[in-house]
Amino acid sequence: MQQSNNLAGADIGDFEKMMAVFTVIIQSVISFVMNSNPPIGQQFFFGGIYETVKFSAPAFIFGILYSTTRTHPQASILEYPQFIHNR
């Protein structure tokens, strides 16, 4: 029995989406840590990380768009449903 390797189909967009979801989880953890009143130095450290990972939404959108354009290279704007009905 032969197993297929799904990693061959993964692209940078898939990894970008994975990292964006991971950063959303990290934001929740940092919020929990900040509520425990850590020392000022740790507050600056965690605050800096929080400010960095809060830009995960644009990274997630980029991942979706990159994967979509890679897997549908011949698609045109007229192939999307909202444009077909307006013809």
PDB file of N, CA and C in Angstrom:
ATOM      1  N   MET A   1       0.838  -1.176   0.000  1.00  0.00           N
ATOM      2  CA  MET A   1       0.000   0.000   0.000  1.00  0.00           C
ATOM      3  C   MET A   1       0.881   1.237   0.000  1.00  0.00           C
ATOM      4  N   GLN A   2       0.628   2.121  -0.922  1.00  0.00           N
ATOM      5  CA  GLN A   2       1.458   3.309  -1.071  1.00  0.00           C
ATOM      6  C   GLN A   2       0.757   4.508  -0.441  1.00  0.00           C
ATOM      7  N   GLN A   3       1.507   5.277   0.363  1.00  0.00           N
ATOM      8  CA  GLN A   3       0.956   6.475   0.973  1.00  0.00           C
ATOM      9  C   GLN A   3       1.317   7.679   0.137  1.00  0.00           C
ATOM     10  N   SER A   4       0.389   8.610   0.020  1.00  0.00           N
ATOM     11  CA  SER A   4       0.690   9.838  -0.711  1.00  0.00           C
ATOM     12  C   SER A   4       1.306  10.860   0.241  1.00  0.00           C
ATOM     13  N   ASN A   5       2.148  11.682  -0.291  1.00  0.00           N
ATOM     14  CA  ASN A   5       2.819  12.715   0.495  1.00  0.00           C
ATOM     15  C   ASN A   5       2.155  14.056   0.209  1.00  0.00           C
ATOM     16  N   ASN A   6       1.355  14.556   1.142  1.00  0.00           N
ATOM     17  CA  ASN A   6       0.651  15.813   0.944  1.00  0.00           C
ATOM     18  C   ASN A   6       1.538  17.037   1.094  1.00  0.00           C
ATOM     19  N   LEU A   7       2.743  16.873   1.642  1.00  0.00           N
ATOM     20  CA  LEU A   7       3.633  18.019   1.779  1.00  0.00           C
ATOM     21  C   LEU A   7       4.127  18.529   0.435  1.00  0.00           C
ATOM     22  N   ALA A   8       4.092  17.696  -0.592  1.00  0.00           N
ATOM     23  CA  ALA A   8       4.535  18.131  -1.914  1.00  0.00           C
ATOM     24  C   ALA A   8       3.620  19.217  -2.459  1.00  0.00           C
ATOM     25  N   GLY A   9       2.369  19.253  -2.012  1.00  0.00           N
ATOM     26  CA  GLY A   9       1.429  20.261  -2.482  1.00  0.00           C
ATOM     27  C   GLY A   9       1.425  21.525  -1.650  1.00  0.00           C
ATOM     28  N   ALA A  10       2.145  21.538  -0.545  1.00  0.00           N
ATOM     29  CA  ALA A  10       2.164  22.717   0.316  1.00  0.00           C
ATOM     30  C   ALA A  10       3.033  23.801  -0.317  1.00  0.00           C
ATOM     31  N   ASP A  11       2.619  25.038  -0.135  1.00  0.00           N
ATOM     32  CA  ASP A  11       3.407  26.157  -0.642  1.00  0.00           C
ATOM     33  C   ASP A  11       3.620  27.179   0.463  1.00  0.00           C
ATOM     34  N   ILE A  12       4.228  28.287   0.129  1.00  0.00           N
ATOM     35  CA  ILE A  12       4.524  29.305   1.141  1.00  0.00           C
ATOM     36  C   ILE A  12       3.235  29.878   1.730  1.00  0.00           C
ATOM     37  N   GLY A  13       2.163  29.902   0.947  1.00  0.00           N
ATOM     38  CA  GLY A  13       0.885  30.389   1.458  1.00  0.00           C
ATOM     39  C   GLY A  13       0.340  29.514   2.574  1.00  0.00           C
ATOM     40  N   ASP A  14       0.516  28.201   2.445  1.00  0.00           N
ATOM     41  CA  ASP A  14       0.061  27.286   3.492  1.00  0.00           C
ATOM     42  C   ASP A  14       0.863  27.485   4.782  1.00  0.00           C
ATOM     43  N   PHE A  15       2.155  27.658   4.645  1.00  0.00           N
ATOM     44  CA  PHE A  15       2.978  27.901   5.821  1.00  0.00           C
ATOM     45  C   PHE A  15       2.680  29.268   6.438  1.00  0.00           C
ATOM     46  N   GLU A  16       2.375  30.245   5.604  1.00  0.00           N
ATOM     47  CA  GLU A  16       2.020  31.587   6.098  1.00  0.00           C
ATOM     48  C   GLU A  16       0.717  31.530   6.894  1.00  0.00           C
ATOM     49  N   LYS A  17      -0.254  30.770   6.409  1.00  0.00           N
ATOM     50  CA  LYS A  17      -1.514  30.612   7.140  1.00  0.00           C
ATOM     51  C   LYS A  17      -1.290  29.908   8.470  1.00  0.00           C
ATOM     52  N   MET A  18      -0.430  28.899   8.478  1.00  0.00           N
ATOM     53  CA  MET A  18      -0.130  28.186   9.713  1.00  0.00           C
ATOM     54  C   MET A  18       0.516  29.121  10.737  1.00  0.00           C
ATOM     55  N   MET A  19       1.461  29.922  10.298  1.00  0.00           N
ATOM     56  CA  MET A  19       2.133  30.855  11.211  1.00  0.00           C
ATOM     57  C   MET A  19       1.167  31.931  11.703  1.00  0.00           C
ATOM     58  N   ALA A  20       0.242  32.379  10.861  1.00  0.00           N
ATOM     59  CA  ALA A  20      -0.725  33.393  11.286  1.00  0.00           C
ATOM     60  C   ALA A  20      -1.639  32.846  12.377  1.00  0.00           C
ATOM     61  N   VAL A  21      -2.069  31.608  12.248  1.00  0.00           N
ATOM     62  CA  VAL A  21      -2.905  30.995  13.286  1.00  0.00           C
ATOM     63  C   VAL A  21      -2.103  30.832  14.576  1.00  0.00           C
ATOM     64  N   PHE A  22      -0.841  30.435  14.451  1.00  0.00           N
ATOM     65  CA  PHE A  22       0.024  30.294  15.618  1.00  0.00           C
ATOM     66  C   PHE A  22       0.196  31.632  16.341  1.00  0.00           C
ATOM     67  N   THR A  23       0.340  32.727  15.608  1.00  0.00           N
ATOM     68  CA  THR A  23       0.511  34.033  16.255  1.00  0.00           C
ATOM     69  C   THR A  23      -0.759  34.488  16.959  1.00  0.00           C
ATOM     70  N   VAL A  24      -1.922  34.104  16.441  1.00  0.00           N
ATOM     71  CA  VAL A  24      -3.172  34.438  17.138  1.00  0.00           C
ATOM     72  C   VAL A  24      -3.222  33.716  18.482  1.00  0.00           C
ATOM     73  N   ILE A  25      -2.762  32.478  18.512  1.00  0.00           N
ATOM     74  CA  ILE A  25      -2.708  31.727  19.773  1.00  0.00           C
ATOM     75  C   ILE A  25      -1.719  32.391  20.726  1.00  0.00           C
ATOM     76  N   ILE A  26      -0.581  32.821  20.204  1.00  0.00           N
ATOM     77  CA  ILE A  26       0.434  33.501  21.028  1.00  0.00           C
ATOM     78  C   ILE A  26      -0.130  34.789  21.624  1.00  0.00           C
ATOM     79  N   GLN A  27      -0.949  35.518  20.861  1.00  0.00           N
ATOM     80  CA  GLN A  27      -1.557  36.744  21.389  1.00  0.00           C
ATOM     81  C   GLN A  27      -2.393  36.442  22.630  1.00  0.00           C
ATOM     82  N   SER A  28      -3.147  35.365  22.600  1.00  0.00           N
ATOM     83  CA  SER A  28      -3.961  35.002  23.761  1.00  0.00           C
ATOM     84  C   SER A  28      -3.088  34.674  24.961  1.00  0.00           C
ATOM     85  N   VAL A  29      -2.008  33.954  24.734  1.00  0.00           N
ATOM     86  CA  VAL A  29      -1.098  33.597  25.823  1.00  0.00           C
ATOM     87  C   VAL A  29      -0.450  34.853  26.404  1.00  0.00           C
ATOM     88  N   ILE A  30      -0.017  35.765  25.545  1.00  0.00           N
ATOM     89  CA  ILE A  30       0.613  37.001  26.022  1.00  0.00           C
ATOM     90  C   ILE A  30      -0.388  37.837  26.817  1.00  0.00           C
ATOM     91  N   SER A  31      -1.626  37.905  26.369  1.00  0.00           N
ATOM     92  CA  SER A  31      -2.648  38.649  27.119  1.00  0.00           C
ATOM     93  C   SER A  31      -2.831  38.065  28.513  1.00  0.00           C
ATOM     94  N   PHE A  32      -2.829  36.737  28.604  1.00  0.00           N
ATOM     95  CA  PHE A  32      -2.951  36.081  29.894  1.00  0.00           C
ATOM     96  C   PHE A  32      -1.752  36.407  30.790  1.00  0.00           C
ATOM     97  N   VAL A  33      -0.549  36.379  30.224  1.00  0.00           N
ATOM     98  CA  VAL A  33       0.671  36.675  30.992  1.00  0.00           C
ATOM     99  C   VAL A  33       0.671  38.133  31.462  1.00  0.00           C
ATOM    100  N   MET A  34       0.218  39.049  30.613  1.00  0.00           N
ATOM    101  CA  MET A  34       0.224  40.465  30.972  1.00  0.00           C
ATOM    102  C   MET A  34      -0.761  40.770  32.098  1.00  0.00           C
ATOM    103  N   ASN A  35      -1.813  39.972  32.233  1.00  0.00           N
ATOM    104  CA  ASN A  35      -2.772  40.178  33.325  1.00  0.00           C
ATOM    105  C   ASN A  35      -2.227  39.741  34.678  1.00  0.00           C
ATOM    106  N   SER A  36      -1.094  39.022  34.688  1.00  0.00           N
ATOM    107  CA  SER A  36      -0.505  38.583  35.955  1.00  0.00           C
ATOM    108  C   SER A  36       0.484  39.605  36.520  1.00  0.00           C
ATOM    109  N   ASN A  37       0.534  40.806  35.933  1.00  0.00           N
ATOM    110  CA  ASN A  37       1.394  41.906  36.380  1.00  0.00           C
ATOM    111  C   ASN A  37       2.871  41.522  36.487  1.00  0.00           C
ATOM    112  N   PRO A  38       3.514  41.183  35.359  1.00  0.00           N
ATOM    113  CA  PRO A  38       4.951  40.870  35.402  1.00  0.00           C
ATOM    114  C   PRO A  38       5.764  42.146  35.631  1.00  0.00           C
ATOM    115  N   PRO A  39       7.053  42.016  35.942  1.00  0.00           N
ATOM    116  CA  PRO A  39       7.909  43.196  36.110  1.00  0.00           C
ATOM    117  C   PRO A  39       7.956  44.038  34.827  1.00  0.00           C
ATOM    118  N   ILE A  40       8.362  45.293  34.964  1.00  0.00           N
ATOM    119  CA  ILE A  40       8.362  46.252  33.849  1.00  0.00           C
ATOM    120  C   ILE A  40       9.170  45.736  32.662  1.00  0.00           C
ATOM    121  N   GLY A  41      10.336  45.157  32.908  1.00  0.00           N
ATOM    122  CA  GLY A  41      11.158  44.642  31.811  1.00  0.00           C
ATOM    123  C   GLY A  41      10.453  43.571  31.012  1.00  0.00           C
ATOM    124  N   GLN A  42       9.772  42.682  31.702  1.00  0.00           N
ATOM    125  CA  GLN A  42       9.029  41.631  31.011  1.00  0.00           C
ATOM    126  C   GLN A  42       7.812  42.203  30.290  1.00  0.00           C
ATOM    127  N   GLN A  43       7.206  43.256  30.869  1.00  0.00           N
ATOM    128  CA  GLN A  43       6.080  43.895  30.188  1.00  0.00           C
ATOM    129  C   GLN A  43       6.517  44.479  28.845  1.00  0.00           C
ATOM    130  N   PHE A  44       7.692  45.130  28.823  1.00  0.00           N
ATOM    131  CA  PHE A  44       8.200  45.667  27.567  1.00  0.00           C
ATOM    132  C   PHE A  44       8.497  44.548  26.574  1.00  0.00           C
ATOM    133  N   PHE A  45       9.085  43.462  27.047  1.00  0.00           N
ATOM    134  CA  PHE A  45       9.405  42.326  26.177  1.00  0.00           C
ATOM    135  C   PHE A  45       8.144  41.718  25.576  1.00  0.00           C
ATOM    136  N   PHE A  46       7.172  41.378  26.434  1.00  0.00           N
ATOM    137  CA  PHE A  46       5.934  40.784  25.948  1.00  0.00           C
ATOM    138  C   PHE A  46       5.112  41.772  25.124  1.00  0.00           C
ATOM    139  N   GLY A  47       5.170  43.033  25.491  1.00  0.00           N
ATOM    140  CA  GLY A  47       4.471  44.055  24.701  1.00  0.00           C
ATOM    141  C   GLY A  47       5.045  44.171  23.302  1.00  0.00           C
ATOM    142  N   GLY A  48       6.367  44.085  23.188  1.00  0.00           N
ATOM    143  CA  GLY A  48       7.003  44.127  21.868  1.00  0.00           C
ATOM    144  C   GLY A  48       6.622  42.940  21.014  1.00  0.00           C
ATOM    145  N   ILE A  49       6.593  41.763  21.630  1.00  0.00           N
ATOM    146  CA  ILE A  49       6.170  40.567  20.883  1.00  0.00           C
ATOM    147  C   ILE A  49       4.710  40.701  20.465  1.00  0.00           C
ATOM    148  N   TYR A  50       3.872  41.197  21.368  1.00  0.00           N
ATOM    149  CA  TYR A  50       2.446  41.356  21.060  1.00  0.00           C
ATOM    150  C   TYR A  50       2.245  42.312  19.890  1.00  0.00           C
ATOM    151  N   GLU A  51       2.982  43.422  19.888  1.00  0.00           N
ATOM    152  CA  GLU A  51       2.869  44.392  18.799  1.00  0.00           C
ATOM    153  C   GLU A  51       3.329  43.786  17.474  1.00  0.00           C
ATOM    154  N   THR A  52       4.304  42.907  17.529  1.00  0.00           N
ATOM    155  CA  THR A  52       4.807  42.274  16.311  1.00  0.00           C
ATOM    156  C   THR A  52       3.810  41.260  15.748  1.00  0.00           C
ATOM    157  N   VAL A  53       3.234  40.433  16.599  1.00  0.00           N
ATOM    158  CA  VAL A  53       2.361  39.370  16.112  1.00  0.00           C
ATOM    159  C   VAL A  53       0.945  39.837  15.836  1.00  0.00           C
ATOM    160  N   LYS A  54       0.603  41.066  16.169  1.00  0.00           N
ATOM    161  CA  LYS A  54      -0.766  41.511  15.899  1.00  0.00           C
ATOM    162  C   LYS A  54      -1.007  41.752  14.415  1.00  0.00           C
ATOM    163  N   PHE A  55       0.035  41.693  13.612  1.00  0.00           N
ATOM    164  CA  PHE A  55      -0.119  41.855  12.176  1.00  0.00           C
ATOM    165  C   PHE A  55      -0.303  40.509  11.477  1.00  0.00           C
ATOM    166  N   SER A  56      -0.881  39.550  12.185  1.00  0.00           N
ATOM    167  CA  SER A  56      -1.072  38.230  11.604  1.00  0.00           C
ATOM    168  C   SER A  56      -2.234  38.181  10.617  1.00  0.00           C
ATOM    169  N   ALA A  57      -3.196  39.076  10.714  1.00  0.00           N
ATOM    170  CA  ALA A  57      -4.327  39.063   9.781  1.00  0.00           C
ATOM    171  C   ALA A  57      -3.875  39.336   8.345  1.00  0.00           C
ATOM    172  N   PRO A  58      -3.046  40.348   8.091  1.00  0.00           N
ATOM    173  CA  PRO A  58      -2.567  40.522   6.712  1.00  0.00           C
ATOM    174  C   PRO A  58      -1.748  39.330   6.219  1.00  0.00           C
ATOM    175  N   ALA A  59      -1.004  38.691   7.109  1.00  0.00           N
ATOM    176  CA  ALA A  59      -0.235  37.513   6.707  1.00  0.00           C
ATOM    177  C   ALA A  59      -1.170  36.373   6.327  1.00  0.00           C
ATOM    178  N   PHE A  60      -2.260  36.209   7.058  1.00  0.00           N
ATOM    179  CA  PHE A  60      -3.231  35.163   6.748  1.00  0.00           C
ATOM    180  C   PHE A  60      -3.878  35.425   5.389  1.00  0.00           C
ATOM    181  N   ILE A  61      -4.241  36.680   5.134  1.00  0.00           N
ATOM    182  CA  ILE A  61      -4.843  37.044   3.849  1.00  0.00           C
ATOM    183  C   ILE A  61      -3.857  36.794   2.713  1.00  0.00           C
ATOM    184  N   PHE A  62      -2.585  37.161   2.921  1.00  0.00           N
ATOM    185  CA  PHE A  62      -1.568  36.894   1.912  1.00  0.00           C
ATOM    186  C   PHE A  62      -1.466  35.401   1.633  1.00  0.00           C
ATOM    187  N   GLY A  63      -1.493  34.583   2.671  1.00  0.00           N
ATOM    188  CA  GLY A  63      -1.405  33.133   2.498  1.00  0.00           C
ATOM    189  C   GLY A  63      -2.552  32.587   1.676  1.00  0.00           C
ATOM    190  N   ILE A  64      -3.749  33.073   1.929  1.00  0.00           N
ATOM    191  CA  ILE A  64      -4.918  32.631   1.167  1.00  0.00           C
ATOM    192  C   ILE A  64      -4.786  33.034  -0.296  1.00  0.00           C
ATOM    193  N   LEU A  65      -4.421  34.287  -0.536  1.00  0.00           N
ATOM    194  CA  LEU A  65      -4.299  34.759  -1.915  1.00  0.00           C
ATOM    195  C   LEU A  65      -3.168  34.058  -2.663  1.00  0.00           C
ATOM    196  N   TYR A  66      -2.053  33.842  -1.982  1.00  0.00           N
ATOM    197  CA  TYR A  66      -0.932  33.173  -2.635  1.00  0.00           C
ATOM    198  C   TYR A  66      -1.293  31.751  -3.030  1.00  0.00           C
ATOM    199  N   SER A  67      -1.914  31.021  -2.108  1.00  0.00           N
ATOM    200  CA  SER A  67      -2.304  29.638  -2.412  1.00  0.00           C
ATOM    201  C   SER A  67      -3.349  29.584  -3.516  1.00  0.00           C
ATOM    202  N   THR A  68      -4.280  30.519  -3.507  1.00  0.00           N
ATOM    203  CA  THR A  68      -5.326  30.536  -4.534  1.00  0.00           C
ATOM    204  C   THR A  68      -4.749  30.821  -5.906  1.00  0.00           C
ATOM    205  N   THR A  69      -3.869  31.796  -6.002  1.00  0.00           N
ATOM    206  CA  THR A  69      -3.295  32.112  -7.313  1.00  0.00           C
ATOM    207  C   THR A  69      -2.358  31.011  -7.793  1.00  0.00           C
ATOM    208  N   ARG A  70      -1.706  30.323  -6.881  1.00  0.00           N
ATOM    209  CA  ARG A  70      -0.811  29.236  -7.295  1.00  0.00           C
ATOM    210  C   ARG A  70      -1.595  28.026  -7.789  1.00  0.00           C
ATOM    211  N   THR A  71      -2.706  27.716  -7.154  1.00  0.00           N
ATOM    212  CA  THR A  71      -3.463  26.515  -7.522  1.00  0.00           C
ATOM    213  C   THR A  71      -4.449  26.756  -8.663  1.00  0.00           C
ATOM    214  N   HIS A  72      -4.692  28.011  -9.032  1.00  0.00           N
ATOM    215  CA  HIS A  72      -5.596  28.344 -10.138  1.00  0.00           C
ATOM    216  C   HIS A  72      -4.905  29.337 -11.078  1.00  0.00           C
ATOM    217  N   PRO A  73      -3.829  28.936 -11.745  1.00  0.00           N
ATOM    218  CA  PRO A  73      -3.057  29.901 -12.545  1.00  0.00           C
ATOM    219  C   PRO A  73      -3.798  30.417 -13.772  1.00  0.00           C
ATOM    220  N   GLN A  74      -4.766  29.664 -14.302  1.00  0.00           N
ATOM    221  CA  GLN A  74      -5.473  30.091 -15.512  1.00  0.00           C
ATOM    222  C   GLN A  74      -6.781  30.827 -15.212  1.00  0.00           C
ATOM    223  N   ALA A  75      -7.106  31.037 -13.939  1.00  0.00           N
ATOM    224  CA  ALA A  75      -8.375  31.668 -13.566  1.00  0.00           C
ATOM    225  C   ALA A  75      -8.378  33.139 -13.956  1.00  0.00           C
ATOM    226  N   SER A  76      -9.538  33.615 -14.371  1.00  0.00           N
ATOM    227  CA  SER A  76      -9.703  35.042 -14.668  1.00  0.00           C
ATOM    228  C   SER A  76     -10.767  35.616 -13.745  1.00  0.00           C
ATOM    229  N   ILE A  77     -10.896  36.913 -13.737  1.00  0.00           N
ATOM    230  CA  ILE A  77     -11.850  37.580 -12.842  1.00  0.00           C
ATOM    231  C   ILE A  77     -13.290  37.190 -13.180  1.00  0.00           C
ATOM    232  N   LEU A  78     -13.553  36.818 -14.415  1.00  0.00           N
ATOM    233  CA  LEU A  78     -14.909  36.459 -14.814  1.00  0.00           C
ATOM    234  C   LEU A  78     -15.339  35.083 -14.317  1.00  0.00           C
ATOM    235  N   GLU A  79     -14.426  34.316 -13.764  1.00  0.00           N
ATOM    236  CA  GLU A  79     -14.768  32.995 -13.245  1.00  0.00           C
ATOM    237  C   GLU A  79     -15.303  33.030 -11.817  1.00  0.00           C
ATOM    238  N   TYR A  80     -15.298  34.182 -11.174  1.00  0.00           N
ATOM    239  CA  TYR A  80     -15.832  34.295  -9.827  1.00  0.00           C
ATOM    240  C   TYR A  80     -17.342  34.518  -9.902  1.00  0.00           C
ATOM    241  N   PRO A  81     -18.112  33.935  -8.994  1.00  0.00           N
ATOM    242  CA  PRO A  81     -19.577  33.935  -9.104  1.00  0.00           C
ATOM    243  C   PRO A  81     -20.224  35.306  -9.205  1.00  0.00           C
ATOM    244  N   GLN A  82     -19.777  36.296  -8.481  1.00  0.00           N
ATOM    245  CA  GLN A  82     -20.448  37.592  -8.510  1.00  0.00           C
ATOM    246  C   GLN A  82     -20.315  38.271  -9.868  1.00  0.00           C
ATOM    247  N   PHE A  83     -19.304  37.924 -10.655  1.00  0.00           N
ATOM    248  CA  PHE A  83     -19.122  38.536 -11.956  1.00  0.00           C
ATOM    249  C   PHE A  83     -19.868  37.787 -13.062  1.00  0.00           C
ATOM    250  N   ILE A  84     -20.129  36.507 -12.831  1.00  0.00           N
ATOM    251  CA  ILE A  84     -20.847  35.726 -13.848  1.00  0.00           C
ATOM    252  C   ILE A  84     -22.292  36.204 -13.955  1.00  0.00           C
ATOM    253  N   HIS A  85     -22.902  36.533 -12.821  1.00  0.00           N
ATOM    254  CA  HIS A  85     -24.302  36.952 -12.819  1.00  0.00           C
ATOM    255  C   HIS A  85     -24.494  38.349 -13.394  1.00  0.00           C
ATOM    256  N   ASN A  86     -23.464  39.151 -13.445  1.00  0.00           N
ATOM    257  CA  ASN A  86     -23.563  40.524 -13.933  1.00  0.00           C
ATOM    258  C   ASN A  86     -23.279  40.632 -15.430  1.00  0.00           C
ATOM    259  N   ARG A  87     -23.047  39.528 -16.117  1.00  0.00           N
ATOM    260  CA  ARG A  87     -22.717  39.577 -17.540  1.00  0.00           C
ATOM    261  C   ARG A  87     -23.902  39.915 -18.382  1.00  0.00           C
TER     262      ARG A  87
END
